[in-house]
Amino acid sequence: MARLRVVNWNGKDVPPELRELPAGRYVVAEYAADLSPEDDAALTAGLDEVDRGETESWETVRADLDKRFDRPR
């Protein structure tokens, strides 16, 4: 499974996110969504939570959604 990284690059210097990667073959995709500053901040905060391991399992999320929307399991 691929591990996603968000890289902020100034167009010249090699960012630390790339420097710490081992030698290998990588695919880089340009991300150019039209996000508001608030949406961008929320997305960045969410990615930071994932990096810190502060996530819920799919089973926990599914059970919460089932309960919230009164769906039988």
N, C-alpha and C. Protein backbone atom coordinates (compact mmCIF):
# COMPACT_ATOMS: atom_id res chain seq x y z
N MET A 1 0.84 -1.17 0.00
CA MET A 1 0.00 0.00 0.00
C MET A 1 0.89 1.24 0.00
N ALA A 2 0.52 2.22 -0.79
CA ALA A 2 1.29 3.46 -0.88
C ALA A 2 1.03 4.34 0.33
N ARG A 3 2.05 5.02 0.77
CA ARG A 3 1.90 5.99 1.84
C ARG A 3 1.90 7.37 1.22
N LEU A 4 0.87 8.12 1.49
CA LEU A 4 0.76 9.46 0.90
C LEU A 4 1.49 10.48 1.75
N ARG A 5 2.11 11.42 1.08
CA ARG A 5 2.77 12.53 1.76
C ARG A 5 2.35 13.82 1.09
N VAL A 6 2.18 14.84 1.88
CA VAL A 6 1.92 16.17 1.35
C VAL A 6 3.23 16.93 1.42
N VAL A 7 3.65 17.48 0.30
CA VAL A 7 4.93 18.17 0.22
C VAL A 7 4.67 19.61 -0.22
N ASN A 8 5.13 20.55 0.57
CA ASN A 8 5.10 21.96 0.19
C ASN A 8 6.48 22.30 -0.36
N TRP A 9 6.52 22.77 -1.60
CA TRP A 9 7.79 23.00 -2.26
C TRP A 9 7.87 24.40 -2.81
N ASN A 10 9.01 25.06 -2.63
CA ASN A 10 9.19 26.43 -3.12
C ASN A 10 9.70 26.46 -4.56
N GLY A 11 9.89 25.31 -5.18
CA GLY A 11 10.33 25.25 -6.56
C GLY A 11 11.83 25.21 -6.75
N LYS A 12 12.60 25.32 -5.65
CA LYS A 12 14.06 25.31 -5.76
C LYS A 12 14.68 24.28 -4.83
N ASP A 13 14.47 24.45 -3.54
CA ASP A 13 15.13 23.61 -2.55
C ASP A 13 14.41 22.27 -2.40
N VAL A 14 15.16 21.24 -2.01
CA VAL A 14 14.56 19.94 -1.77
C VAL A 14 13.91 19.96 -0.39
N PRO A 15 12.59 19.71 -0.33
CA PRO A 15 11.90 19.77 0.97
C PRO A 15 12.29 18.58 1.85
N PRO A 16 12.20 18.75 3.17
CA PRO A 16 12.59 17.68 4.09
C PRO A 16 11.78 16.40 3.88
N GLU A 17 10.52 16.52 3.43
CA GLU A 17 9.71 15.34 3.21
C GLU A 17 10.32 14.43 2.14
N LEU A 18 11.03 15.03 1.18
CA LEU A 18 11.69 14.24 0.14
C LEU A 18 13.07 13.78 0.57
N ARG A 19 13.78 14.61 1.32
CA ARG A 19 15.12 14.26 1.76
C ARG A 19 15.15 13.01 2.61
N GLU A 20 14.07 12.79 3.40
CA GLU A 20 14.07 11.64 4.31
C GLU A 20 13.64 10.34 3.64
N LEU A 21 13.22 10.39 2.38
CA LEU A 21 12.81 9.18 1.69
C LEU A 21 14.02 8.37 1.21
N PRO A 22 13.93 7.05 1.24
CA PRO A 22 15.02 6.23 0.71
C PRO A 22 15.07 6.33 -0.81
N ALA A 23 16.20 5.98 -1.38
CA ALA A 23 16.32 5.98 -2.84
C ALA A 23 15.26 5.06 -3.42
N GLY A 24 14.72 5.43 -4.54
CA GLY A 24 13.69 4.60 -5.16
C GLY A 24 12.96 5.39 -6.23
N ARG A 25 11.88 4.80 -6.69
CA ARG A 25 11.08 5.42 -7.74
C ARG A 25 9.80 5.95 -7.12
N TYR A 26 9.50 7.21 -7.37
CA TYR A 26 8.34 7.86 -6.76
C TYR A 26 7.50 8.55 -7.83
N VAL A 27 6.23 8.67 -7.54
CA VAL A 27 5.32 9.41 -8.40
C VAL A 27 4.90 10.66 -7.65
N VAL A 28 4.99 11.80 -8.31
CA VAL A 28 4.59 13.07 -7.69
C VAL A 28 3.40 13.60 -8.47
N ALA A 29 2.34 13.94 -7.76
CA ALA A 29 1.16 14.50 -8.39
C ALA A 29 0.97 15.93 -7.91
N GLU A 30 0.67 16.81 -8.82
CA GLU A 30 0.41 18.19 -8.44
C GLU A 30 -1.02 18.29 -7.92
N TYR A 31 -1.17 18.95 -6.80
CA TYR A 31 -2.48 19.12 -6.19
C TYR A 31 -2.85 20.58 -6.29
N ALA A 32 -3.90 20.87 -7.05
CA ALA A 32 -4.26 22.26 -7.27
C ALA A 32 -5.75 22.49 -7.06
N ALA A 33 -6.27 21.98 -5.97
CA ALA A 33 -7.70 22.18 -5.68
C ALA A 33 -7.93 23.63 -5.29
N ASP A 34 -9.13 24.08 -5.54
CA ASP A 34 -9.50 25.45 -5.23
C ASP A 34 -10.14 25.47 -3.84
N LEU A 35 -9.31 25.39 -2.80
CA LEU A 35 -9.80 25.34 -1.43
C LEU A 35 -9.79 26.73 -0.80
N SER A 36 -10.76 26.96 0.07
CA SER A 36 -10.72 28.18 0.87
C SER A 36 -9.62 28.03 1.91
N PRO A 37 -9.14 29.13 2.48
CA PRO A 37 -8.12 29.01 3.54
C PRO A 37 -8.60 28.14 4.71
N GLU A 38 -9.90 28.21 5.02
CA GLU A 38 -10.45 27.40 6.12
C GLU A 38 -10.43 25.91 5.77
N ASP A 39 -10.82 25.59 4.52
CA ASP A 39 -10.80 24.19 4.08
C ASP A 39 -9.37 23.66 4.05
N ASP A 40 -8.44 24.47 3.56
CA ASP A 40 -7.04 24.07 3.52
C ASP A 40 -6.50 23.80 4.92
N ALA A 41 -6.84 24.67 5.87
CA ALA A 41 -6.39 24.49 7.25
C ALA A 41 -6.99 23.22 7.85
N ALA A 42 -8.28 22.95 7.57
CA ALA A 42 -8.92 21.75 8.09
C ALA A 42 -8.29 20.50 7.49
N LEU A 43 -7.99 20.52 6.20
CA LEU A 43 -7.35 19.38 5.56
C LEU A 43 -5.96 19.14 6.13
N THR A 44 -5.20 20.20 6.30
CA THR A 44 -3.86 20.08 6.88
C THR A 44 -3.93 19.53 8.30
N ALA A 45 -4.88 20.01 9.09
CA ALA A 45 -5.04 19.51 10.46
C ALA A 45 -5.39 18.02 10.45
N GLY A 46 -6.27 17.62 9.54
CA GLY A 46 -6.64 16.21 9.44
C GLY A 46 -5.46 15.33 9.05
N LEU A 47 -4.65 15.79 8.10
CA LEU A 47 -3.47 15.02 7.70
C LEU A 47 -2.46 14.93 8.84
N ASP A 48 -2.33 16.00 9.61
CA ASP A 48 -1.44 15.97 10.78
C ASP A 48 -1.92 14.94 11.80
N GLU A 49 -3.25 14.84 12.00
CA GLU A 49 -3.80 13.85 12.92
C GLU A 49 -3.48 12.43 12.44
N VAL A 50 -3.61 12.20 11.15
CA VAL A 50 -3.28 10.88 10.59
C VAL A 50 -1.81 10.57 10.83
N ASP A 51 -0.93 11.54 10.56
CA ASP A 51 0.52 11.35 10.79
C ASP A 51 0.82 11.01 12.24
N ARG A 52 0.04 11.58 13.18
CA ARG A 52 0.27 11.30 14.60
C ARG A 52 -0.42 10.01 15.05
N GLY A 53 -1.15 9.36 14.15
CA GLY A 53 -1.83 8.12 14.51
C GLY A 53 -3.13 8.34 15.26
N GLU A 54 -3.66 9.54 15.18
CA GLU A 54 -4.90 9.86 15.89
C GLU A 54 -6.10 9.61 14.99
N THR A 55 -6.32 8.35 14.66
CA THR A 55 -7.42 7.97 13.77
C THR A 55 -8.30 6.92 14.43
N GLU A 56 -9.48 6.75 13.89
CA GLU A 56 -10.41 5.73 14.35
C GLU A 56 -10.40 4.59 13.34
N SER A 57 -10.63 3.38 13.81
CA SER A 57 -10.71 2.24 12.90
C SER A 57 -11.99 2.34 12.07
N TRP A 58 -11.98 1.68 10.90
CA TRP A 58 -13.17 1.67 10.06
C TRP A 58 -14.35 1.06 10.80
N GLU A 59 -14.10 0.04 11.59
CA GLU A 59 -15.17 -0.61 12.34
C GLU A 59 -15.85 0.37 13.31
N THR A 60 -15.05 1.20 13.97
CA THR A 60 -15.59 2.19 14.90
C THR A 60 -16.40 3.24 14.16
N VAL A 61 -15.87 3.72 13.04
CA VAL A 61 -16.57 4.73 12.25
C VAL A 61 -17.88 4.16 11.72
N ARG A 62 -17.84 2.94 11.20
CA ARG A 62 -19.04 2.31 10.64
C ARG A 62 -20.10 2.13 11.72
N ALA A 63 -19.71 1.67 12.90
CA ALA A 63 -20.66 1.48 13.99
C ALA A 63 -21.29 2.81 14.40
N ASP A 64 -20.49 3.87 14.43
CA ASP A 64 -21.01 5.20 14.77
C ASP A 64 -22.01 5.69 13.73
N LEU A 65 -21.68 5.49 12.45
CA LEU A 65 -22.60 5.89 11.38
C LEU A 65 -23.90 5.09 11.43
N ASP A 66 -23.78 3.78 11.66
CA ASP A 66 -24.97 2.95 11.77
C ASP A 66 -25.87 3.43 12.89
N LYS A 67 -25.26 3.74 14.02
CA LYS A 67 -26.03 4.22 15.17
C LYS A 67 -26.64 5.59 14.89
N ARG A 68 -25.86 6.48 14.32
CA ARG A 68 -26.31 7.84 14.06
C ARG A 68 -27.47 7.88 13.06
N PHE A 69 -27.42 7.02 12.05
CA PHE A 69 -28.46 7.02 11.02
C PHE A 69 -29.44 5.86 11.18
N ASP A 70 -29.42 5.24 12.35
CA ASP A 70 -30.35 4.17 12.69
C ASP A 70 -30.40 3.08 11.63
N ARG A 71 -29.21 2.63 11.23
CA ARG A 71 -29.11 1.57 10.22
C ARG A 71 -28.87 0.25 10.93
N PRO A 72 -29.62 -0.78 10.57
CA PRO A 72 -29.38 -2.09 11.18
C PRO A 72 -28.09 -2.70 10.65
N ARG A 73 -27.44 -3.48 11.49
CA ARG A 73 -26.21 -4.17 11.07
C ARG A 73 -26.44 -5.63 11.01
